């Protein structure tokens, strides 16, 4: 019993040493997105806490493409993988630089660090990186108000420039951000890019509201953000309702400024009528 208890104590102490001494990760520096054709440096910051380093290995998905082993000469080794071109001259135990990256290498990148004897502690961290084809130019917005006189909604359509992946689209009405849109679809181009189109339907648009200033914004990660030229629309037919965004992504969300204007007008009319009846 005493021997068993002594072994348990030794195992407990060894576990505490294993957990508190040796390899510890600080952070993995992999950008969420990078432009196609650009170079990118992936960083793997760790703390060995005086333990010797055995190796650092980099993987794309499950395939190793770079290894650093300080005991070997030379310490760096590159494994051929289509689309990955390592700049060995600036790569080391913490960083690996990829030259002229292409969109085909988008995926999960992993850094595996192993400490040397006696602990042989190994840690693995991963992060997703997308190689993006950034849009060229600005989005285009068009407006169809032909159905207003028949009680149909005003339709605004935004076309983002082609990109990979498809850009995100946001509508603005009189500089108010619209929460969602009615529908969207993506079209493939001849050069294998994606062009996003989104459509916004506004019902209850009437001449009493004055002009509507409609624009859209296209964005892609932090690499691209551009606004369309705004279109000013003057509805011809008065409607008694507030402006309402229609569609599955909106859940009937009112555009606050227009609802407030309609409410103010109606309240003023009621007060005026009461004043006339009193006199």
Protein backbone atom coordinates (compact mmCIF):
# COMPACT_ATOMS: atom_id res chain seq x y z
CA UNK A 1 0.00 0.00 0.00
CA UNK A 2 2.83 2.39 0.88
CA UNK A 3 4.56 1.67 -2.45
CA UNK A 4 1.35 2.28 -4.38
CA UNK A 5 0.74 5.53 -2.54
CA UNK A 6 4.31 6.63 -3.22
CA UNK A 7 3.91 5.93 -6.95
CA UNK A 8 0.70 7.94 -7.05
CA UNK A 9 2.46 10.87 -5.43
CA UNK A 10 5.32 10.65 -7.94
CA UNK A 11 2.88 10.49 -10.84
CA UNK A 12 1.02 13.51 -9.48
CA UNK A 13 4.25 15.47 -9.12
CA UNK A 14 5.38 14.49 -12.61
CA UNK A 15 2.03 15.62 -14.04
CA UNK A 16 2.35 18.98 -12.28
CA UNK A 17 5.86 19.40 -13.68
CA UNK A 18 4.67 18.36 -17.16
CA UNK A 19 1.84 20.89 -17.09
CA UNK A 20 3.82 23.80 -15.67
CA UNK A 21 7.29 23.39 -17.14
CA UNK A 22 8.15 23.20 -20.81
CA UNK A 23 6.27 24.07 -23.98
CA UNK A 24 3.46 26.63 -23.82
CA UNK A 25 1.74 28.34 -26.74
CA UNK A 26 1.29 32.08 -26.80
CA UNK A 27 -0.48 32.66 -30.13
CA UNK A 28 -0.74 31.67 -33.79
CA UNK A 29 -0.47 34.55 -36.27
CA UNK A 30 -2.29 33.55 -39.44
CA UNK A 31 -4.24 36.27 -41.29
CA UNK A 32 -7.90 35.52 -41.91
CA UNK A 33 -7.54 36.65 -45.51
CA UNK A 34 -4.77 37.70 -47.91
CA UNK A 35 -4.81 38.98 -51.49
CA UNK A 36 -3.95 36.53 -54.25
CA UNK A 37 -0.47 37.08 -55.63
CA UNK A 38 0.81 38.61 -52.39
CA UNK A 39 3.33 37.13 -49.98
CA UNK A 40 2.28 36.26 -46.44
CA UNK A 41 4.16 35.41 -43.25
CA UNK A 42 2.62 32.89 -40.87
CA UNK A 43 3.74 33.16 -37.26
CA UNK A 44 3.89 30.58 -34.48
CA UNK A 45 4.76 32.17 -31.13
CA UNK A 46 5.45 29.81 -28.21
CA UNK A 47 7.25 29.64 -24.88
CA UNK A 48 9.49 26.64 -24.16
CA UNK A 49 10.28 27.79 -20.60
CA UNK A 50 13.94 26.71 -20.91
CA UNK A 51 13.08 23.33 -22.44
CA UNK A 52 15.05 22.54 -25.64
CA UNK A 53 13.21 22.73 -28.97
CA UNK A 54 13.00 19.54 -30.98
CA UNK A 55 11.02 20.65 -34.07
CA UNK A 56 8.51 23.05 -35.58
CA UNK A 57 6.29 21.73 -38.37
CA UNK A 58 3.79 23.56 -40.58
CA UNK A 59 0.87 21.86 -42.33
CA UNK A 60 -1.74 22.92 -44.84
CA UNK A 61 -4.74 20.75 -43.99
CA UNK A 62 -2.97 17.45 -43.18
CA UNK A 63 0.04 17.86 -45.49
CA UNK A 64 3.37 19.06 -44.08
CA UNK A 65 5.12 21.74 -46.14
CA UNK A 66 7.77 23.20 -43.81
CA UNK A 67 9.92 21.84 -40.96
CA UNK A 68 12.47 23.41 -38.66
CA UNK A 69 14.75 21.10 -36.62
CA UNK A 70 17.58 23.00 -34.85
CA UNK A 71 19.74 19.86 -34.44
CA UNK A 72 19.84 19.25 -38.19
CA UNK A 73 22.02 21.01 -40.74
CA UNK A 74 20.51 22.89 -42.42
CA UNK A 75 17.73 23.24 -39.83
CA UNK A 76 15.03 24.07 -42.41
CA UNK A 77 13.36 21.63 -44.76
CA UNK A 78 10.63 22.26 -47.36
CA UNK A 79 8.18 19.66 -48.66
CA UNK A 80 6.75 20.22 -52.13
CA UNK A 81 3.06 21.06 -52.18
CA UNK A 82 1.27 22.54 -55.17
CA UNK A 83 0.74 26.29 -54.84
CA UNK A 84 2.97 26.70 -51.77
CA UNK A 85 6.31 28.43 -52.31
CA UNK A 86 8.35 28.90 -49.11
CA UNK A 87 10.95 31.64 -48.85
CA UNK A 88 13.55 29.72 -46.82
CA UNK A 89 15.81 32.77 -46.50
CA UNK A 90 13.38 34.50 -44.10
CA UNK A 91 11.72 31.43 -42.53
CA UNK A 92 12.84 30.17 -39.13
CA UNK A 93 11.71 28.53 -35.90
CA UNK A 94 8.81 30.98 -35.47
CA UNK A 95 7.86 32.24 -38.94
CA UNK A 96 7.36 30.81 -42.41
CA UNK A 97 6.90 33.09 -45.43
CA UNK A 98 4.88 32.02 -48.47
CA UNK A 99 5.52 33.76 -51.80
CA UNK A 100 2.89 34.81 -54.35
CA UNK A 101 0.01 32.85 -52.83
CA UNK A 102 -2.83 31.59 -55.03
CA UNK A 103 -6.49 31.06 -54.21
CA UNK A 104 -6.10 27.26 -54.33
CA UNK A 105 -4.15 27.20 -51.07
CA UNK A 106 -7.03 28.56 -49.00
CA UNK A 107 -7.68 26.30 -46.04
CA UNK A 108 -6.56 25.36 -42.56
CA UNK A 109 -2.93 25.99 -41.58
CA UNK A 110 -1.43 24.22 -38.57
CA UNK A 111 1.71 24.75 -36.53
CA UNK A 112 3.04 21.83 -34.49
CA UNK A 113 5.77 22.47 -31.94
CA UNK A 114 7.62 19.69 -30.09
CA UNK A 115 9.96 20.06 -27.14
CA UNK A 116 13.00 17.81 -26.85
CA UNK A 117 13.82 15.28 -24.11
CA UNK A 118 12.97 14.62 -21.39
CA UNK A 119 9.33 15.77 -21.73
CA UNK A 120 8.79 15.51 -25.53
CA UNK A 121 5.76 17.80 -25.09
CA UNK A 122 3.94 18.54 -28.39
CA UNK A 123 1.33 21.24 -29.08
CA UNK A 124 -0.69 21.88 -32.23
CA UNK A 125 -2.59 25.04 -33.18
CA UNK A 126 -4.57 25.76 -36.35
CA UNK A 127 -6.23 28.70 -38.10
CA UNK A 128 -8.18 29.24 -41.31
CA UNK A 129 -6.78 31.44 -44.09
CA UNK A 130 -8.54 32.48 -47.30
CA UNK A 131 -6.65 33.70 -50.35
CA UNK A 132 -9.04 36.22 -51.90
CA UNK A 133 -9.41 37.70 -55.36
CA UNK A 134 -10.36 41.27 -54.46
CA UNK A 135 -13.07 43.05 -56.51
CA UNK A 136 -12.05 45.70 -59.02
CA UNK A 137 -14.21 48.81 -59.17
CA UNK A 138 -17.31 49.72 -57.19
CA UNK A 139 -20.76 48.12 -56.86
CA UNK A 140 -23.66 49.25 -59.07
CA UNK A 141 -27.14 49.97 -57.73
CA UNK A 142 -30.28 50.26 -59.88
CA UNK A 143 -33.83 51.14 -58.82
CA UNK A 144 -37.17 50.06 -60.35
CA UNK A 145 -40.14 52.16 -59.19
CA UNK A 146 -42.45 51.29 -62.08
CA UNK A 147 -44.82 49.29 -59.86
CA UNK A 148 -45.40 51.98 -57.22
CA UNK A 149 -48.54 53.36 -58.86
CA UNK A 150 -50.05 49.87 -58.73
CA UNK A 151 -49.19 49.39 -55.07
CA UNK A 152 -46.16 47.22 -55.72
CA UNK A 153 -42.85 47.75 -53.89
CA UNK A 154 -39.91 49.85 -54.98
CA UNK A 155 -37.11 47.45 -55.95
CA UNK A 156 -33.41 48.29 -55.54
CA UNK A 157 -30.81 45.91 -56.98
CA UNK A 158 -27.10 45.93 -56.10
CA UNK A 159 -24.44 44.21 -58.22
CA UNK A 160 -21.06 43.69 -56.52
CA UNK A 161 -17.97 43.36 -58.74
CA UNK A 162 -16.75 39.78 -59.31
CA UNK A 163 -14.46 38.37 -56.60
CA UNK A 164 -13.50 35.23 -54.74
CA UNK A 165 -15.18 34.52 -52.45
CA UNK A 166 -18.30 36.55 -53.27
CA UNK A 167 -18.45 40.00 -51.67
CA UNK A 168 -20.89 40.99 -48.91
CA UNK A 169 -23.57 43.57 -49.75
CA UNK A 170 -25.22 46.18 -47.51
CA UNK A 171 -27.97 48.63 -48.51
CA UNK A 172 -28.36 52.18 -47.20
CA UNK A 173 -31.49 54.33 -47.52
CA UNK A 174 -30.90 58.02 -46.80
CA UNK A 175 -27.63 56.91 -45.17
CA UNK A 176 -29.47 54.56 -42.77
CA UNK A 177 -28.11 51.02 -42.84
CA UNK A 178 -30.85 48.59 -43.86
CA UNK A 179 -30.84 45.36 -41.75
CA UNK A 180 -30.80 42.74 -44.49
CA UNK A 181 -32.36 42.50 -47.93
CA UNK A 182 -35.10 40.60 -49.73
CA UNK A 183 -33.07 38.14 -51.80
CA UNK A 184 -29.56 37.40 -53.08
CA UNK A 185 -27.89 35.19 -55.65
CA UNK A 186 -24.38 34.51 -56.92
CA UNK A 187 -23.35 34.13 -60.56
CA UNK A 188 -20.15 32.41 -61.71
CA UNK A 189 -18.04 34.36 -64.21
CA UNK A 190 -15.90 33.02 -67.05
CA UNK A 191 -12.71 33.48 -64.99
CA UNK A 192 -14.19 31.42 -62.14
CA UNK A 193 -15.06 34.34 -59.88
CA UNK A 194 -18.36 34.92 -58.08
CA UNK A 195 -20.58 37.97 -58.60
CA UNK A 196 -23.04 38.64 -55.79
CA UNK A 197 -26.36 40.37 -56.52
CA UNK A 198 -28.82 41.43 -53.81
CA UNK A 199 -32.31 42.87 -54.08
CA UNK A 200 -34.16 45.12 -51.67
CA UNK A 201 -37.94 45.68 -51.77
CA UNK A 202 -39.51 48.70 -50.03
CA UNK A 203 -43.29 48.90 -49.73
CA UNK A 204 -45.42 51.87 -48.75
CA UNK A 205 -43.14 54.35 -50.51
CA UNK A 206 -45.10 57.49 -51.26
CA UNK A 207 -44.56 60.99 -52.60
CA UNK A 208 -45.12 62.47 -49.15
CA UNK A 209 -41.78 61.07 -48.05
CA UNK A 210 -39.75 63.21 -50.40
CA UNK A 211 -36.72 61.82 -52.17
CA UNK A 212 -35.12 58.54 -51.16
CA UNK A 213 -31.35 58.28 -51.49
CA UNK A 214 -30.40 54.64 -52.08
CA UNK A 215 -26.89 53.22 -52.26
CA UNK A 216 -25.16 49.92 -51.55
CA UNK A 217 -21.80 48.87 -50.17
CA UNK A 218 -19.72 45.83 -51.13
CA UNK A 219 -17.04 44.44 -48.82
CA UNK A 220 -14.69 41.48 -48.65
CA UNK A 221 -12.96 40.75 -45.33
CA UNK A 222 -10.79 43.77 -44.49
CA UNK A 223 -9.28 43.79 -47.96
CA UNK A 224 -11.99 45.71 -49.84
CA UNK A 225 -14.86 48.11 -49.12
CA UNK A 226 -16.53 50.34 -51.72
CA UNK A 227 -19.80 52.24 -52.17
CA UNK A 228 -21.95 52.58 -55.24
CA UNK A 229 -23.01 55.92 -56.64
CA UNK A 230 -26.21 56.83 -54.77
CA UNK A 231 -29.49 57.02 -56.69
CA UNK A 232 -32.10 59.57 -55.64
CA UNK A 233 -35.68 58.43 -56.11
CA UNK A 234 -38.73 60.72 -55.95
CA UNK A 235 -41.87 58.55 -55.59
CA UNK A 236 -44.78 59.82 -57.70
CA UNK A 237 -47.73 58.23 -55.92
CA UNK A 238 -48.57 58.97 -52.25
CA UNK A 239 -49.08 55.93 -50.03
CA UNK A 240 -50.53 56.04 -46.48
CA UNK A 241 -48.17 53.45 -44.99
CA UNK A 242 -44.70 53.65 -43.53
CA UNK A 243 -41.73 52.39 -45.49
CA UNK A 244 -41.29 48.68 -44.83
CA UNK A 245 -38.47 46.38 -45.87
CA UNK A 246 -39.98 43.17 -47.20
CA UNK A 247 -38.35 39.77 -47.45
CA UNK A 248 -37.17 36.73 -45.52
CA UNK A 249 -33.97 38.37 -44.26
CA UNK A 250 -35.76 41.42 -42.92
CA UNK A 251 -38.73 40.04 -40.93
CA UNK A 252 -40.63 43.23 -41.81
CA UNK A 253 -38.18 45.67 -40.23
CA UNK A 254 -39.26 49.30 -40.44
CA UNK A 255 -36.80 51.97 -41.47
CA UNK A 256 -37.02 54.17 -38.38
CA UNK A 257 -36.69 57.60 -39.95
CA UNK A 258 -39.66 57.13 -42.27
CA UNK A 259 -41.93 55.63 -39.64
CA UNK A 260 -41.14 58.53 -37.32
CA UNK A 261 -41.93 61.04 -40.08
CA UNK A 262 -45.25 59.34 -40.86
CA UNK A 263 -46.20 59.25 -37.16
CA UNK A 264 -45.34 62.96 -36.74
CA UNK A 265 -47.49 63.94 -39.73
CA UNK A 266 -50.44 61.88 -38.50
CA UNK A 267 -50.17 63.33 -34.98
CA UNK A 268 -50.08 66.88 -36.33
CA UNK A 269 -53.24 66.22 -38.36
CA UNK A 270 -55.08 64.85 -35.31
CA UNK A 271 -54.07 67.85 -33.15
CA UNK A 272 -55.16 70.24 -35.91
CA UNK A 273 -58.55 68.55 -36.19
CA UNK A 274 -59.04 68.74 -32.42
CA UNK A 275 -58.21 72.46 -32.39
CA UNK A 276 -60.77 73.12 -35.16
CA UNK A 277 -63.51 71.22 -33.29
CA UNK A 278 -62.78 73.14 -30.06
CA UNK A 279 -63.05 76.55 -31.76
